[in-house]
ModelCIF file with pLDDT and N, C-alpha, C, O atoms, coordinates in Angstrom:
data_MODEL
#
_entry.id   MODEL 
#
_entity.id                         1 
_entity.type                       polymer 
_entity.pdbx_number_of_molecules   1 
#
_entity_poly.entity_id                      1 
_entity_poly.type                           'polypeptide(L)' 
_entity_poly.nstd_linkage                   no 
_entity_poly.nstd_monomer                   no 
_entity_poly.pdbx_seq_one_letter_code       VGVISVTANIIPDDTHELCASFLDGNVARARELQLKAIDLCKALFCE 
_entity_poly.pdbx_seq_one_letter_code_can   VGVISVTANIIPDDTHELCASFLDGNVARARELQLKAIDLCKALFCE 
_entity_poly.pdbx_strand_id                 A 
#
loop_
_entity_poly_seq.entity_id 
_entity_poly_seq.num 
_entity_poly_seq.mon_id 
_entity_poly_seq.hetero 
1 1  VAL n 
1 2  GLY n 
1 3  VAL n 
1 4  ILE n 
1 5  SER n 
1 6  VAL n 
1 7  THR n 
1 8  ALA n 
1 9  ASN n 
1 10 ILE n 
1 11 ILE n 
1 12 PRO n 
1 13 ASP n 
1 14 ASP n 
1 15 THR n 
1 16 HIS n 
1 17 GLU n 
1 18 LEU n 
1 19 CYS n 
1 20 ALA n 
1 21 SER n 
1 22 PHE n 
1 23 LEU n 
1 24 ASP n 
1 25 GLY n 
1 26 ASN n 
1 27 VAL n 
1 28 ALA n 
1 29 ARG n 
1 30 ALA n 
1 31 ARG n 
1 32 GLU n 
1 33 LEU n 
1 34 GLN n 
1 35 LEU n 
1 36 LYS n 
1 37 ALA n 
1 38 ILE n 
1 39 ASP n 
1 40 LEU n 
1 41 CYS n 
1 42 LYS n 
1 43 ALA n 
1 44 LEU n 
1 45 PHE n 
1 46 CYS n 
1 47 GLU n 
#
_struct_asym.id          A 
_struct_asym.entity_id   1 
#
loop_
_ma_qa_metric.id 
_ma_qa_metric.mode 
_ma_qa_metric.name 
_ma_qa_metric.software_group_id 
_ma_qa_metric.type 
1 global pLDDT . pLDDT 
2 local  pLDDT . pLDDT 
#
_ma_qa_metric_global.metric_id      1 
_ma_qa_metric_global.metric_value   97.91 
_ma_qa_metric_global.model_id       1 
_ma_qa_metric_global.ordinal_id     1 
#
loop_
_ma_qa_metric_local.label_asym_id 
_ma_qa_metric_local.label_comp_id 
_ma_qa_metric_local.label_seq_id 
_ma_qa_metric_local.metric_id 
_ma_qa_metric_local.metric_value 
_ma_qa_metric_local.model_id 
_ma_qa_metric_local.ordinal_id 
A VAL 1  2 98.00 1 1  
A GLY 2  2 98.00 1 2  
A VAL 3  2 98.00 1 3  
A ILE 4  2 98.00 1 4  
A SER 5  2 98.00 1 5  
A VAL 6  2 98.00 1 6  
A THR 7  2 98.00 1 7  
A ALA 8  2 98.00 1 8  
A ASN 9  2 98.00 1 9  
A ILE 10 2 98.00 1 10 
A ILE 11 2 98.00 1 11 
A PRO 12 2 98.00 1 12 
A ASP 13 2 98.00 1 13 
A ASP 14 2 98.00 1 14 
A THR 15 2 98.00 1 15 
A HIS 16 2 98.00 1 16 
A GLU 17 2 98.00 1 17 
A LEU 18 2 98.00 1 18 
A CYS 19 2 98.00 1 19 
A ALA 20 2 98.00 1 20 
A SER 21 2 98.00 1 21 
A PHE 22 2 98.00 1 22 
A LEU 23 2 98.00 1 23 
A ASP 24 2 98.00 1 24 
A GLY 25 2 98.00 1 25 
A ASN 26 2 98.00 1 26 
A VAL 27 2 98.00 1 27 
A ALA 28 2 98.00 1 28 
A ARG 29 2 98.00 1 29 
A ALA 30 2 98.00 1 30 
A ARG 31 2 98.00 1 31 
A GLU 32 2 98.00 1 32 
A LEU 33 2 98.00 1 33 
A GLN 34 2 98.00 1 34 
A LEU 35 2 98.00 1 35 
A LYS 36 2 98.00 1 36 
A ALA 37 2 98.00 1 37 
A ILE 38 2 98.00 1 38 
A ASP 39 2 98.00 1 39 
A LEU 40 2 98.00 1 40 
A CYS 41 2 97.00 1 41 
A LYS 42 2 97.00 1 42 
A ALA 43 2 98.00 1 43 
A LEU 44 2 98.00 1 44 
A PHE 45 2 97.00 1 45 
A CYS 46 2 97.00 1 46 
A GLU 47 2 98.00 1 47 
#
loop_
_atom_site.group_PDB 
_atom_site.id 
_atom_site.type_symbol 
_atom_site.label_atom_id 
_atom_site.label_alt_id 
_atom_site.label_comp_id 
_atom_site.label_asym_id 
_atom_site.label_entity_id 
_atom_site.label_seq_id 
_atom_site.pdbx_PDB_ins_code 
_atom_site.Cartn_x 
_atom_site.Cartn_y 
_atom_site.Cartn_z 
_atom_site.occupancy 
_atom_site.B_iso_or_equiv 
_atom_site.pdbx_formal_charge 
_atom_site.auth_seq_id 
_atom_site.auth_comp_id 
_atom_site.auth_asym_id 
_atom_site.auth_atom_id 
_atom_site.pdbx_PDB_model_num 
ATOM 1   N N  . VAL A 1 1  ? 9.678  7.296   -5.230  1.00 98.00 ? 1  VAL A N  1 
ATOM 2   C CA . VAL A 1 1  ? 9.646  6.216   -6.229  1.00 98.00 ? 1  VAL A CA 1 
ATOM 3   C C  . VAL A 1 1  ? 9.149  4.894   -5.657  1.00 98.00 ? 1  VAL A C  1 
ATOM 4   O O  . VAL A 1 1  ? 9.105  3.890   -6.368  1.00 98.00 ? 1  VAL A O  1 
ATOM 5   N N  . GLY A 1 2  ? 8.772  4.883   -4.371  1.00 98.00 ? 2  GLY A N  1 
ATOM 6   C CA . GLY A 1 2  ? 8.275  3.638   -3.800  1.00 98.00 ? 2  GLY A CA 1 
ATOM 7   C C  . GLY A 1 2  ? 8.312  3.652   -2.287  1.00 98.00 ? 2  GLY A C  1 
ATOM 8   O O  . GLY A 1 2  ? 8.334  4.707   -1.653  1.00 98.00 ? 2  GLY A O  1 
ATOM 9   N N  . VAL A 1 3  ? 8.320  2.457   -1.723  1.00 98.00 ? 3  VAL A N  1 
ATOM 10  C CA . VAL A 1 3  ? 8.230  2.288   -0.279  1.00 98.00 ? 3  VAL A CA 1 
ATOM 11  C C  . VAL A 1 3  ? 9.144  1.149   0.157   1.00 98.00 ? 3  VAL A C  1 
ATOM 12  O O  . VAL A 1 3  ? 9.367  0.196   -0.589  1.00 98.00 ? 3  VAL A O  1 
ATOM 13  N N  . ILE A 1 4  ? 9.664  1.261   1.364   1.00 98.00 ? 4  ILE A N  1 
ATOM 14  C CA . ILE A 1 4  ? 10.291 0.133   2.044   1.00 98.00 ? 4  ILE A CA 1 
ATOM 15  C C  . ILE A 1 4  ? 9.326  -0.220  3.166   1.00 98.00 ? 4  ILE A C  1 
ATOM 16  O O  . ILE A 1 4  ? 9.216  0.497   4.160   1.00 98.00 ? 4  ILE A O  1 
ATOM 17  N N  . SER A 1 5  ? 8.632  -1.334  2.989   1.00 98.00 ? 5  SER A N  1 
ATOM 18  C CA . SER A 1 5  ? 7.349  -1.571  3.644   1.00 98.00 ? 5  SER A CA 1 
ATOM 19  C C  . SER A 1 5  ? 7.340  -2.742  4.621   1.00 98.00 ? 5  SER A C  1 
ATOM 20  O O  . SER A 1 5  ? 7.856  -3.821  4.330   1.00 98.00 ? 5  SER A O  1 
ATOM 21  N N  . VAL A 1 6  ? 6.745  -2.505  5.775   1.00 98.00 ? 6  VAL A N  1 
ATOM 22  C CA . VAL A 1 6  ? 6.446  -3.572  6.729   1.00 98.00 ? 6  VAL A CA 1 
ATOM 23  C C  . VAL A 1 6  ? 5.229  -4.357  6.264   1.00 98.00 ? 6  VAL A C  1 
ATOM 24  O O  . VAL A 1 6  ? 5.216  -5.587  6.301   1.00 98.00 ? 6  VAL A O  1 
ATOM 25  N N  . THR A 1 7  ? 4.212  -3.634  5.827   1.00 98.00 ? 7  THR A N  1 
ATOM 26  C CA . THR A 1 7  ? 2.949  -4.247  5.413   1.00 98.00 ? 7  THR A CA 1 
ATOM 27  C C  . THR A 1 7  ? 3.135  -5.235  4.268   1.00 98.00 ? 7  THR A C  1 
ATOM 28  O O  . THR A 1 7  ? 2.377  -6.198  4.145   1.00 98.00 ? 7  THR A O  1 
ATOM 29  N N  . ALA A 1 8  ? 4.140  -4.997  3.432   1.00 98.00 ? 8  ALA A N  1 
ATOM 30  C CA . ALA A 1 8  ? 4.388  -5.886  2.297   1.00 98.00 ? 8  ALA A CA 1 
ATOM 31  C C  . ALA A 1 8  ? 4.737  -7.301  2.725   1.00 98.00 ? 8  ALA A C  1 
ATOM 32  O O  . ALA A 1 8  ? 4.675  -8.218  1.906   1.00 98.00 ? 8  ALA A O  1 
ATOM 33  N N  . ASN A 1 9  ? 5.103  -7.504  3.989   1.00 98.00 ? 9  ASN A N  1 
ATOM 34  C CA . ASN A 1 9  ? 5.330  -8.864  4.474   1.00 98.00 ? 9  ASN A CA 1 
ATOM 35  C C  . ASN A 1 9  ? 4.071  -9.709  4.361   1.00 98.00 ? 9  ASN A C  1 
ATOM 36  O O  . ASN A 1 9  ? 4.154  -10.922 4.165   1.00 98.00 ? 9  ASN A O  1 
ATOM 37  N N  . ILE A 1 10 ? 2.888  -9.071  4.483   1.00 98.00 ? 10 ILE A N  1 
ATOM 38  C CA . ILE A 1 10 ? 1.652  -9.857  4.493   1.00 98.00 ? 10 ILE A CA 1 
ATOM 39  C C  . ILE A 1 10 ? 0.711  -9.541  3.330   1.00 98.00 ? 10 ILE A C  1 
ATOM 40  O O  . ILE A 1 10 ? -0.151 -10.357 3.004   1.00 98.00 ? 10 ILE A O  1 
ATOM 41  N N  . ILE A 1 11 ? 0.856  -8.379  2.700   1.00 98.00 ? 11 ILE A N  1 
ATOM 42  C CA . ILE A 1 11 ? 0.060  -8.084  1.500   1.00 98.00 ? 11 ILE A CA 1 
ATOM 43  C C  . ILE A 1 11 ? 1.004  -7.631  0.377   1.00 98.00 ? 11 ILE A C  1 
ATOM 44  O O  . ILE A 1 11 ? 0.890  -6.503  -0.103  1.00 98.00 ? 11 ILE A O  1 
ATOM 45  N N  . PRO A 1 12 ? 1.922  -8.485  -0.038  1.00 98.00 ? 12 PRO A N  1 
ATOM 46  C CA . PRO A 1 12 ? 2.910  -8.080  -1.046  1.00 98.00 ? 12 PRO A CA 1 
ATOM 47  C C  . PRO A 1 12 ? 2.300  -7.685  -2.380  1.00 98.00 ? 12 PRO A C  1 
ATOM 48  O O  . PRO A 1 12 ? 2.733  -6.706  -2.988  1.00 98.00 ? 12 PRO A O  1 
ATOM 49  N N  . ASP A 1 13 ? 1.309  -8.424  -2.843  1.00 98.00 ? 13 ASP A N  1 
ATOM 50  C CA . ASP A 1 13 ? 0.726  -8.111  -4.149  1.00 98.00 ? 13 ASP A CA 1 
ATOM 51  C C  . ASP A 1 13 ? 0.070  -6.739  -4.159  1.00 98.00 ? 13 ASP A C  1 
ATOM 52  O O  . ASP A 1 13 ? 0.241  -5.966  -5.102  1.00 98.00 ? 13 ASP A O  1 
ATOM 53  N N  . ASP A 1 14 ? -0.682 -6.442  -3.107  1.00 98.00 ? 14 ASP A N  1 
ATOM 54  C CA . ASP A 1 14 ? -1.377 -5.157  -3.058  1.00 98.00 ? 14 ASP A CA 1 
ATOM 55  C C  . ASP A 1 14 ? -0.405 -3.996  -2.876  1.00 98.00 ? 14 ASP A C  1 
ATOM 56  O O  . ASP A 1 14 ? -0.612 -2.922  -3.441  1.00 98.00 ? 14 ASP A O  1 
ATOM 57  N N  . THR A 1 15 ? 0.647  -4.198  -2.098  1.00 98.00 ? 15 THR A N  1 
ATOM 58  C CA . THR A 1 15 ? 1.625  -3.124  -1.911  1.00 98.00 ? 15 THR A CA 1 
ATOM 59  C C  . THR A 1 15 ? 2.350  -2.843  -3.219  1.00 98.00 ? 15 THR A C  1 
ATOM 60  O O  . THR A 1 15 ? 2.616  -1.689  -3.555  1.00 98.00 ? 15 THR A O  1 
ATOM 61  N N  . HIS A 1 16 ? 2.667  -3.904  -3.953  1.00 98.00 ? 16 HIS A N  1 
ATOM 62  C CA . HIS A 1 16 ? 3.258  -3.729  -5.285  1.00 98.00 ? 16 HIS A CA 1 
ATOM 63  C C  . HIS A 1 16 ? 2.286  -2.988  -6.203  1.00 98.00 ? 16 HIS A C  1 
ATOM 64  O O  . HIS A 1 16 ? 2.674  -2.048  -6.896  1.00 98.00 ? 16 HIS A O  1 
ATOM 65  N N  . GLU A 1 17 ? 1.019  -3.417  -6.206  1.00 98.00 ? 17 GLU A N  1 
ATOM 66  C CA . GLU A 1 17 ? 0.041  -2.797  -7.097  1.00 98.00 ? 17 GLU A CA 1 
ATOM 67  C C  . GLU A 1 17 ? -0.166 -1.329  -6.762  1.00 98.00 ? 17 GLU A C  1 
ATOM 68  O O  . GLU A 1 17 ? -0.311 -0.499  -7.660  1.00 98.00 ? 17 GLU A O  1 
ATOM 69  N N  . LEU A 1 18 ? -0.182 -1.006  -5.477  1.00 98.00 ? 18 LEU A N  1 
ATOM 70  C CA . LEU A 1 18 ? -0.340 0.394   -5.063  1.00 98.00 ? 18 LEU A CA 1 
ATOM 71  C C  . LEU A 1 18 ? 0.741  1.258   -5.718  1.00 98.00 ? 18 LEU A C  1 
ATOM 72  O O  . LEU A 1 18 ? 0.450  2.279   -6.341  1.00 98.00 ? 18 LEU A O  1 
ATOM 73  N N  . CYS A 1 19 ? 1.991  0.822   -5.559  1.00 98.00 ? 19 CYS A N  1 
ATOM 74  C CA . CYS A 1 19 ? 3.109  1.601   -6.101  1.00 98.00 ? 19 CYS A CA 1 
ATOM 75  C C  . CYS A 1 19 ? 3.095  1.612   -7.628  1.00 98.00 ? 19 CYS A C  1 
ATOM 76  O O  . CYS A 1 19 ? 3.291  2.656   -8.250  1.00 98.00 ? 19 CYS A O  1 
ATOM 77  N N  . ALA A 1 20 ? 2.862  0.446   -8.224  1.00 98.00 ? 20 ALA A N  1 
ATOM 78  C CA . ALA A 1 20 ? 2.859  0.345   -9.684  1.00 98.00 ? 20 ALA A CA 1 
ATOM 79  C C  . ALA A 1 20 ? 1.750  1.202   -10.279 1.00 98.00 ? 20 ALA A C  1 
ATOM 80  O O  . ALA A 1 20 ? 1.943  1.836   -11.316 1.00 98.00 ? 20 ALA A O  1 
ATOM 81  N N  . SER A 1 21 ? 0.596  1.222   -9.629  1.00 98.00 ? 21 SER A N  1 
ATOM 82  C CA . SER A 1 21 ? -0.518 2.034   -10.121 1.00 98.00 ? 21 SER A CA 1 
ATOM 83  C C  . SER A 1 21 ? -0.143 3.504   -10.128 1.00 98.00 ? 21 SER A C  1 
ATOM 84  O O  . SER A 1 21 ? -0.406 4.218   -11.096 1.00 98.00 ? 21 SER A O  1 
ATOM 85  N N  . PHE A 1 22 ? 0.478  3.956   -9.033  1.00 98.00 ? 22 PHE A N  1 
ATOM 86  C CA . PHE A 1 22 ? 0.868  5.370   -8.979  1.00 98.00 ? 22 PHE A CA 1 
ATOM 87  C C  . PHE A 1 22 ? 1.891  5.680   -10.062 1.00 98.00 ? 22 PHE A C  1 
ATOM 88  O O  . PHE A 1 22 ? 1.771  6.681   -10.768 1.00 98.00 ? 22 PHE A O  1 
ATOM 89  N N  . LEU A 1 23 ? 2.895  4.823   -10.194 1.00 98.00 ? 23 LEU A N  1 
ATOM 90  C CA . LEU A 1 23 ? 3.946  5.058   -11.188 1.00 98.00 ? 23 LEU A CA 1 
ATOM 91  C C  . LEU A 1 23 ? 3.400  5.029   -12.605 1.00 98.00 ? 23 LEU A C  1 
ATOM 92  O O  . LEU A 1 23 ? 3.940  5.680   -13.499 1.00 98.00 ? 23 LEU A O  1 
ATOM 93  N N  . ASP A 1 24 ? 2.320  4.268   -12.807 1.00 98.00 ? 24 ASP A N  1 
ATOM 94  C CA . ASP A 1 24 ? 1.690  4.190   -14.134 1.00 98.00 ? 24 ASP A CA 1 
ATOM 95  C C  . ASP A 1 24 ? 0.680  5.310   -14.379 1.00 98.00 ? 24 ASP A C  1 
ATOM 96  O O  . ASP A 1 24 ? 0.090  5.394   -15.456 1.00 98.00 ? 24 ASP A O  1 
ATOM 97  N N  . GLY A 1 25 ? 0.483  6.165   -13.382 1.00 98.00 ? 25 GLY A N  1 
ATOM 98  C CA . GLY A 1 25 ? -0.428 7.287   -13.543 1.00 98.00 ? 25 GLY A CA 1 
ATOM 99  C C  . GLY A 1 25 ? -1.853 7.031   -13.081 1.00 98.00 ? 25 GLY A C  1 
ATOM 100 O O  . GLY A 1 25 ? -2.720 7.892   -13.227 1.00 98.00 ? 25 GLY A O  1 
ATOM 101 N N  . ASN A 1 26 ? -2.100 5.834   -12.516 1.00 98.00 ? 26 ASN A N  1 
ATOM 102 C CA . ASN A 1 26 ? -3.438 5.511   -12.021 1.00 98.00 ? 26 ASN A CA 1 
ATOM 103 C C  . ASN A 1 26 ? -3.510 5.876   -10.537 1.00 98.00 ? 26 ASN A C  1 
ATOM 104 O O  . ASN A 1 26 ? -3.521 5.010   -9.662  1.00 98.00 ? 26 ASN A O  1 
ATOM 105 N N  . VAL A 1 27 ? -3.559 7.161   -10.288 1.00 98.00 ? 27 VAL A N  1 
ATOM 106 C CA . VAL A 1 27 ? -3.532 7.654   -8.909  1.00 98.00 ? 27 VAL A CA 1 
ATOM 107 C C  . VAL A 1 27 ? -4.781 7.222   -8.147  1.00 98.00 ? 27 VAL A C  1 
ATOM 108 O O  . VAL A 1 27 ? -4.707 6.959   -6.947  1.00 98.00 ? 27 VAL A O  1 
ATOM 109 N N  . ALA A 1 28 ? -5.913 7.146   -8.817  1.00 98.00 ? 28 ALA A N  1 
ATOM 110 C CA . ALA A 1 28 ? -7.158 6.756   -8.156  1.00 98.00 ? 28 ALA A CA 1 
ATOM 111 C C  . ALA A 1 28 ? -7.046 5.345   -7.572  1.00 98.00 ? 28 ALA A C  1 
ATOM 112 O O  . ALA A 1 28 ? -7.481 5.109   -6.444  1.00 98.00 ? 28 ALA A O  1 
ATOM 113 N N  . ARG A 1 29 ? -6.468 4.411   -8.325  1.00 98.00 ? 29 ARG A N  1 
ATOM 114 C CA . ARG A 1 29 ? -6.312 3.041   -7.836  1.00 98.00 ? 29 ARG A CA 1 
ATOM 115 C C  . ARG A 1 29 ? -5.304 3.004   -6.691  1.00 98.00 ? 29 ARG A C  1 
ATOM 116 O O  . ARG A 1 29 ? -5.516 2.302   -5.702  1.00 98.00 ? 29 ARG A O  1 
ATOM 117 N N  . ALA A 1 30 ? -4.214 3.752   -6.816  1.00 98.00 ? 30 ALA A N  1 
ATOM 118 C CA . ALA A 1 30 ? -3.221 3.803   -5.745  1.00 98.00 ? 30 ALA A CA 1 
ATOM 119 C C  . ALA A 1 30 ? -3.848 4.345   -4.460  1.00 98.00 ? 30 ALA A C  1 
ATOM 120 O O  . ALA A 1 30 ? -3.617 3.820   -3.371  1.00 98.00 ? 30 ALA A O  1 
ATOM 121 N N  . ARG A 1 31 ? -4.638 5.397   -4.607  1.00 98.00 ? 31 ARG A N  1 
ATOM 122 C CA . ARG A 1 31 ? -5.295 5.980   -3.443  1.00 98.00 ? 31 ARG A CA 1 
ATOM 123 C C  . ARG A 1 31 ? -6.276 4.998   -2.823  1.00 98.00 ? 31 ARG A C  1 
ATOM 124 O O  . ARG A 1 31 ? -6.364 4.898   -1.599  1.00 98.00 ? 31 ARG A O  1 
ATOM 125 N N  . GLU A 1 32 ? -7.013 4.274   -3.656  1.00 98.00 ? 32 GLU A N  1 
ATOM 126 C CA . GLU A 1 32 ? -7.967 3.274   -3.162  1.00 98.00 ? 32 GLU A CA 1 
ATOM 127 C C  . GLU A 1 32 ? -7.260 2.221   -2.308  1.00 98.00 ? 32 GLU A C  1 
ATOM 128 O O  . GLU A 1 32 ? -7.735 1.865   -1.229  1.00 98.00 ? 32 GLU A O  1 
ATOM 129 N N  . LEU A 1 33 ? -6.131 1.730   -2.794  1.00 98.00 ? 33 LEU A N  1 
ATOM 130 C CA . LEU A 1 33 ? -5.382 0.708   -2.048  1.00 98.00 ? 33 LEU A CA 1 
ATOM 131 C C  . LEU A 1 33 ? -4.754 1.287   -0.783  1.00 98.00 ? 33 LEU A C  1 
ATOM 132 O O  . LEU A 1 33 ? -4.693 0.615   0.247   1.00 98.00 ? 33 LEU A O  1 
ATOM 133 N N  . GLN A 1 34 ? -4.289 2.534   -0.862  1.00 98.00 ? 34 GLN A N  1 
ATOM 134 C CA . GLN A 1 34 ? -3.726 3.185   0.312   1.00 98.00 ? 34 GLN A CA 1 
ATOM 135 C C  . GLN A 1 34 ? -4.763 3.312   1.426   1.00 98.00 ? 34 GLN A C  1 
ATOM 136 O O  . GLN A 1 34 ? -4.487 2.980   2.579   1.00 98.00 ? 34 GLN A O  1 
ATOM 137 N N  . LEU A 1 35 ? -5.932 3.785   1.082   1.00 98.00 ? 35 LEU A N  1 
ATOM 138 C CA . LEU A 1 35 ? -6.966 3.985   2.094   1.00 98.00 ? 35 LEU A CA 1 
ATOM 139 C C  . LEU A 1 35 ? -7.503 2.659   2.619   1.00 98.00 ? 35 LEU A C  1 
ATOM 140 O O  . LEU A 1 35 ? -7.845 2.550   3.797   1.00 98.00 ? 35 LEU A O  1 
ATOM 141 N N  . LYS A 1 36 ? -7.579 1.655   1.754   1.00 98.00 ? 36 LYS A N  1 
ATOM 142 C CA . LYS A 1 36 ? -8.028 0.335   2.190   1.00 98.00 ? 36 LYS A CA 1 
ATOM 143 C C  . LYS A 1 36 ? -7.113 -0.226  3.274   1.00 98.00 ? 36 LYS A C  1 
ATOM 144 O O  . LYS A 1 36 ? -7.570 -0.950  4.159   1.00 98.00 ? 36 LYS A O  1 
ATOM 145 N N  . ALA A 1 37 ? -5.831 0.103   3.208   1.00 98.00 ? 37 ALA A N  1 
ATOM 146 C CA . ALA A 1 37 ? -4.843 -0.485  4.116   1.00 98.00 ? 37 ALA A CA 1 
ATOM 147 C C  . ALA A 1 37 ? -4.641 0.296   5.411   1.00 98.00 ? 37 ALA A C  1 
ATOM 148 O O  . ALA A 1 37 ? -3.852 -0.125  6.257   1.00 98.00 ? 37 ALA A O  1 
ATOM 149 N N  . ILE A 1 38 ? -5.330 1.415   5.587   1.00 98.00 ? 38 ILE A N  1 
ATOM 150 C CA . ILE A 1 38 ? -5.052 2.277   6.742   1.00 98.00 ? 38 ILE A CA 1 
ATOM 151 C C  . ILE A 1 38 ? -5.263 1.548   8.074   1.00 98.00 ? 38 ILE A C  1 
ATOM 152 O O  . ILE A 1 38 ? -4.394 1.602   8.945   1.00 98.00 ? 38 ILE A O  1 
ATOM 153 N N  . ASP A 1 39 ? -6.390 0.877   8.242   1.00 98.00 ? 39 ASP A N  1 
ATOM 154 C CA . ASP A 1 39 ? -6.643 0.183   9.511   1.00 98.00 ? 39 ASP A CA 1 
ATOM 155 C C  . ASP A 1 39 ? -5.640 -0.947  9.731   1.00 98.00 ? 39 ASP A C  1 
ATOM 156 O O  . ASP A 1 39 ? -5.209 -1.189  10.858  1.00 98.00 ? 39 ASP A O  1 
ATOM 157 N N  . LEU A 1 40 ? -5.274 -1.632  8.659   1.00 98.00 ? 40 LEU A N  1 
ATOM 158 C CA . LEU A 1 40 ? -4.273 -2.694  8.765   1.00 98.00 ? 40 LEU A CA 1 
ATOM 159 C C  . LEU A 1 40 ? -2.928 -2.111  9.172   1.00 98.00 ? 40 LEU A C  1 
ATOM 160 O O  . LEU A 1 40 ? -2.236 -2.675  10.020  1.00 98.00 ? 40 LEU A O  1 
ATOM 161 N N  . CYS A 1 41 ? -2.553 -0.985  8.571   1.00 97.00 ? 41 CYS A N  1 
ATOM 162 C CA . CYS A 1 41 ? -1.295 -0.332  8.948   1.00 97.00 ? 41 CYS A CA 1 
ATOM 163 C C  . CYS A 1 41 ? -1.291 0.042   10.429  1.00 97.00 ? 41 CYS A C  1 
ATOM 164 O O  . CYS A 1 41 ? -0.301 -0.164  11.130  1.00 97.00 ? 41 CYS A O  1 
ATOM 165 N N  . LYS A 1 42 ? -2.405 0.592   10.889  1.00 97.00 ? 42 LYS A N  1 
ATOM 166 C CA . LYS A 1 42 ? -2.490 0.977   12.303  1.00 97.00 ? 42 LYS A CA 1 
ATOM 167 C C  . LYS A 1 42 ? -2.326 -0.230  13.210  1.00 97.00 ? 42 LYS A C  1 
ATOM 168 O O  . LYS A 1 42 ? -1.643 -0.160  14.232  1.00 97.00 ? 42 LYS A O  1 
ATOM 169 N N  . ALA A 1 43 ? -2.950 -1.332  12.834  1.00 98.00 ? 43 ALA A N  1 
ATOM 170 C CA . ALA A 1 43 ? -2.855 -2.547  13.649  1.00 98.00 ? 43 ALA A CA 1 
ATOM 171 C C  . ALA A 1 43 ? -1.430 -3.097  13.659  1.00 98.00 ? 43 ALA A C  1 
ATOM 172 O O  . ALA A 1 43 ? -0.968 -3.632  14.668  1.00 98.00 ? 43 ALA A O  1 
ATOM 173 N N  . LEU A 1 44 ? -0.743 -2.962  12.535  1.00 98.00 ? 44 LEU A N  1 
ATOM 174 C CA . LEU A 1 44 ? 0.623  -3.480  12.441  1.00 98.00 ? 44 LEU A CA 1 
ATOM 175 C C  . LEU A 1 44 ? 1.632  -2.609  13.189  1.00 98.00 ? 44 LEU A C  1 
ATOM 176 O O  . LEU A 1 44 ? 2.799  -2.974  13.329  1.00 98.00 ? 44 LEU A O  1 
ATOM 177 N N  . PHE A 1 45 ? 1.171  -1.460  13.665  1.00 97.00 ? 45 PHE A N  1 
ATOM 178 C CA . PHE A 1 45 ? 2.052  -0.592  14.445  1.00 97.00 ? 45 PHE A CA 1 
ATOM 179 C C  . PHE A 1 45 ? 1.437  -0.237  15.801  1.00 97.00 ? 45 PHE A C  1 
ATOM 180 O O  . PHE A 1 45 ? 1.817  0.757   16.421  1.00 97.00 ? 45 PHE A O  1 
ATOM 181 N N  . CYS A 1 46 ? 0.476  -1.065  16.261  1.00 97.00 ? 46 CYS A N  1 
ATOM 182 C CA . CYS A 1 46 ? -0.131 -0.793  17.572  1.00 97.00 ? 46 CYS A CA 1 
ATOM 183 C C  . CYS A 1 46 ? 0.813  -1.179  18.710  1.00 97.00 ? 46 CYS A C  1 
ATOM 184 O O  . CYS A 1 46 ? 0.632  -0.739  19.845  1.00 97.00 ? 46 CYS A O  1 
ATOM 185 N N  . GLU A 1 47 ? 1.814  -1.995  18.409  1.00 98.00 ? 47 GLU A N  1 
ATOM 186 C CA . GLU A 1 47 ? 2.946  -2.218  19.304  1.00 98.00 ? 47 GLU A CA 1 
ATOM 187 C C  . GLU A 1 47 ? 4.198  -2.003  18.470  1.00 98.00 ? 47 GLU A C  1 
ATOM 188 O O  . GLU A 1 47 ? 5.310  -2.129  18.982  1.00 98.00 ? 47 GLU A O  1 
#
């Protein structure tokens, strides 16, 4: 039903939209936002 997110500290609007899009049935938009954030997620966990 959602995420407890580290990334949301710096991209709160997009993390909200990702989850809201999925819950609303817009899986394509959720997937787009998920993939857009992959490199950022990796950087936020490089240490």
